[in-house]
Amino acid sequence: MTHSRICFCFIIVSFLFNNPAAKAQNIATPRLVKMYSVLGGLNAGKTLFGEVGLARNSYGLHTHHPMAGASFISCEFGHHSNWIVAPKIGGWVAGGVAAQAFGINAIAYLSKGNFTPVIRPEYGFGFGRFKCSYGYNLRLKENEIKYLNKHVFSVTILFPVKQIGVEPLTDSDL
């Protein structure tokens, strides 16, 4: 049952990025769409963190492969025994046949006057305005805050606010 769901999702994603009807009718398909978006995310590990922020992202086609990317500022927030707030800045790129995503984040975890800076590299998959990844928190100083995640599985969705540019797809891209 799980394999059939994965295959179904793969087929749907393939049709979203490779529209043969549009190519046959010579409809102008955007090669690259640039926009500002609101970022929403969930980071799961030992402690569950929500995430809200602003992003500048782009997605589209490079030759005939889907690609996407974003740079953002956001804030993670979670509660275990105390509230933990974490201002965050980062970016990610995704693309290719497998829609692989690579990202890097700089995070400052704050709780009751304690401070733990973290660098988080991420690897996963992403397409369009969606990313799912695994990250590892590399602490830059000794952990002063309990219940911080070492390993994080995250899901990020970008909700478009304003389009700031479009590059059309040319015949050489097909």
Protein backbone atom coordinates (compact mmCIF):
# COMPACT_ATOMS: atom_id res chain seq x y z
CA MET A 1 0.00 0.00 0.00
CA THR A 2 2.81 2.42 0.87
CA HIS A 3 4.60 1.79 -2.44
CA SER A 4 1.46 2.59 -4.42
CA ARG A 5 1.06 5.91 -2.55
CA ILE A 6 4.68 6.85 -3.24
CA CYS A 7 4.27 5.98 -6.94
CA PHE A 8 1.04 7.98 -7.13
CA CYS A 9 2.72 11.05 -5.55
CA PHE A 10 5.69 10.72 -7.91
CA ILE A 11 3.40 10.59 -10.96
CA ILE A 12 1.45 13.66 -9.80
CA VAL A 13 4.65 15.64 -9.18
CA SER A 14 6.01 14.59 -12.59
CA PHE A 15 2.89 15.87 -14.34
CA LEU A 16 3.04 19.15 -12.44
CA PHE A 17 6.56 19.91 -13.68
CA ASN A 18 6.44 18.33 -17.14
CA ASN A 19 3.35 19.49 -19.01
CA PRO A 20 3.52 17.98 -22.54
CA ALA A 21 0.19 19.59 -23.51
CA ALA A 22 1.61 23.06 -22.88
CA LYS A 23 4.72 22.25 -24.94
CA ALA A 24 2.66 20.88 -27.84
CA GLN A 25 0.41 23.95 -27.89
CA ASN A 26 3.42 26.28 -27.50
CA ILE A 27 1.92 27.86 -24.37
CA ALA A 28 4.33 30.14 -22.54
CA THR A 29 5.35 28.21 -19.43
CA PRO A 30 7.35 30.23 -16.88
CA ARG A 31 10.98 29.21 -16.64
CA LEU A 32 11.54 30.91 -13.32
CA VAL A 33 9.04 32.56 -10.97
CA LYS A 34 10.42 34.85 -8.23
CA MET A 35 8.31 35.91 -5.26
CA TYR A 36 8.05 36.94 -1.64
CA SER A 37 6.36 34.38 0.60
CA VAL A 38 5.32 33.67 4.16
CA LEU A 39 7.16 30.61 5.50
CA GLY A 40 5.42 28.03 7.68
CA GLY A 41 7.15 24.97 9.06
CA LEU A 42 7.29 22.17 11.55
CA ASN A 43 10.56 20.80 13.00
CA ALA A 44 10.26 17.49 14.80
CA GLY A 45 12.81 15.84 17.05
CA LYS A 46 12.96 15.35 20.82
CA THR A 47 11.04 18.66 21.06
CA LEU A 48 8.48 19.81 18.48
CA PHE A 49 9.07 23.32 17.08
CA GLY A 50 6.82 25.44 14.90
CA GLU A 51 8.28 27.99 12.50
CA VAL A 52 7.00 31.23 10.95
CA GLY A 53 8.93 33.67 8.77
CA LEU A 54 9.39 35.59 5.53
CA ALA A 55 11.16 34.26 2.43
CA ARG A 56 12.32 35.36 -1.00
CA ASN A 57 12.00 32.30 -3.20
CA SER A 58 12.09 31.18 -6.80
CA TYR A 59 10.97 28.05 -8.58
CA GLY A 60 10.60 26.83 -12.14
CA LEU A 61 12.52 24.89 -14.77
CA HIS A 62 16.21 24.72 -15.58
CA THR A 63 16.38 23.11 -19.01
CA HIS A 64 13.67 20.52 -18.41
CA HIS A 65 14.39 19.82 -14.71
CA PRO A 66 12.40 21.41 -11.87
CA MET A 67 14.35 23.65 -9.50
CA ALA A 68 13.56 25.76 -6.45
CA GLY A 69 15.32 27.84 -3.85
CA ALA A 70 14.68 30.22 -0.99
CA SER A 71 16.43 32.54 1.44
CA PHE A 72 14.57 33.43 4.61
CA ILE A 73 14.41 34.90 8.09
CA SER A 74 12.14 33.13 10.54
CA CYS A 75 11.59 32.18 14.15
CA GLU A 76 11.27 28.71 15.61
CA PHE A 77 9.26 28.32 18.79
CA GLY A 78 8.61 25.34 21.03
CA HIS A 79 7.65 24.43 24.56
CA HIS A 80 8.91 21.58 26.73
CA SER A 81 9.31 22.69 30.32
CA ASN A 82 9.92 26.31 29.24
CA TRP A 83 9.28 28.28 26.06
CA ILE A 84 12.17 28.16 23.63
CA VAL A 85 12.38 30.86 20.93
CA ALA A 86 14.93 30.73 18.12
CA PRO A 87 15.54 33.50 15.56
CA LYS A 88 16.77 31.86 12.38
CA ILE A 89 18.30 32.85 9.03
CA GLY A 90 19.01 30.46 6.20
CA GLY A 91 18.51 29.24 2.69
CA TRP A 92 17.98 26.14 0.58
CA VAL A 93 18.13 24.99 -3.03
CA ALA A 94 16.37 22.00 -4.58
CA GLY A 95 16.11 20.50 -8.01
CA GLY A 96 17.08 17.89 -10.51
CA VAL A 97 15.39 14.63 -11.36
CA ALA A 98 15.24 13.52 -7.70
CA ALA A 99 14.31 17.02 -6.38
CA GLN A 100 17.17 16.85 -3.87
CA ALA A 101 17.30 19.75 -1.40
CA PHE A 102 20.33 21.16 0.39
CA GLY A 103 20.09 23.90 3.01
CA ILE A 104 21.96 25.71 5.75
CA ASN A 105 20.56 27.62 8.75
CA ALA A 106 22.02 29.78 11.52
CA ILE A 107 19.87 29.61 14.65
CA ALA A 108 20.07 31.25 18.09
CA TYR A 109 18.07 29.29 20.68
CA LEU A 110 16.92 31.43 23.62
CA SER A 111 15.18 30.33 26.84
CA LYS A 112 15.10 32.09 30.24
CA GLY A 113 18.29 34.06 29.62
CA ASN A 114 20.19 31.06 28.22
CA PHE A 115 21.63 31.19 24.70
CA THR A 116 22.79 28.38 22.39
CA PRO A 117 23.92 29.26 18.83
CA VAL A 118 23.54 26.50 16.24
CA ILE A 119 24.43 25.86 12.60
CA ARG A 120 22.09 23.37 10.93
CA PRO A 121 22.98 21.77 7.56
CA GLU A 122 19.99 20.04 5.92
CA TYR A 123 19.46 17.41 3.25
CA GLY A 124 16.16 16.18 1.84
CA PHE A 125 13.83 16.77 -1.09
CA GLY A 126 11.98 19.82 -2.28
CA PHE A 127 10.06 21.20 -5.21
CA GLY A 128 8.15 24.39 -5.90
CA ARG A 129 7.32 25.94 -2.55
CA PHE A 130 7.74 22.76 -0.45
CA LYS A 131 10.72 21.18 1.32
CA CYS A 132 11.09 18.13 3.56
CA SER A 133 14.51 17.52 5.09
CA TYR A 134 16.71 16.04 7.81
CA GLY A 135 19.05 18.37 9.68
CA TYR A 136 21.70 18.04 12.36
CA ASN A 137 22.23 20.85 14.88
CA LEU A 138 25.93 21.66 15.22
CA ARG A 139 26.19 23.58 18.49
CA LEU A 140 28.73 26.40 18.52
CA LYS A 141 28.99 26.42 22.33
CA GLU A 142 28.05 24.12 25.17
CA ASN A 143 24.32 23.43 25.35
CA GLU A 144 22.77 25.66 28.03
CA ILE A 145 19.19 24.83 27.06
CA LYS A 146 17.71 21.43 27.82
CA TYR A 147 15.58 19.59 25.29
CA LEU A 148 17.24 20.97 22.16
CA ASN A 149 17.08 18.64 19.20
CA LYS A 150 20.28 17.14 17.84
CA HIS A 151 18.49 15.56 14.89
CA VAL A 152 15.59 17.36 13.18
CA PHE A 153 13.08 16.31 10.55
CA SER A 154 11.46 19.38 9.06
CA VAL A 155 8.66 20.23 6.66
CA THR A 156 8.53 23.73 5.19
CA ILE A 157 5.84 25.31 3.01
CA LEU A 158 6.04 28.75 1.41
CA PHE A 159 2.77 30.64 0.97
CA PRO A 160 3.08 33.20 -1.87
CA VAL A 161 2.43 36.86 -1.06
CA LYS A 162 3.78 38.88 -4.01
CA GLN A 163 5.29 37.86 -7.34
CA ILE A 164 8.37 39.95 -8.17
CA GLY A 165 9.45 38.48 -11.50
CA VAL A 166 8.94 35.85 -14.18
CA GLU A 167 11.36 34.56 -16.81
CA PRO A 168 9.59 32.88 -19.77
CA LEU A 169 10.52 29.42 -21.03
CA THR A 170 12.22 29.57 -24.43
CA ASP A 171 12.38 26.97 -27.20
CA SER A 172 16.02 26.26 -26.33
CA ASP A 173 14.90 25.16 -22.84
CA LEU A 174 12.62 22.41 -24.19
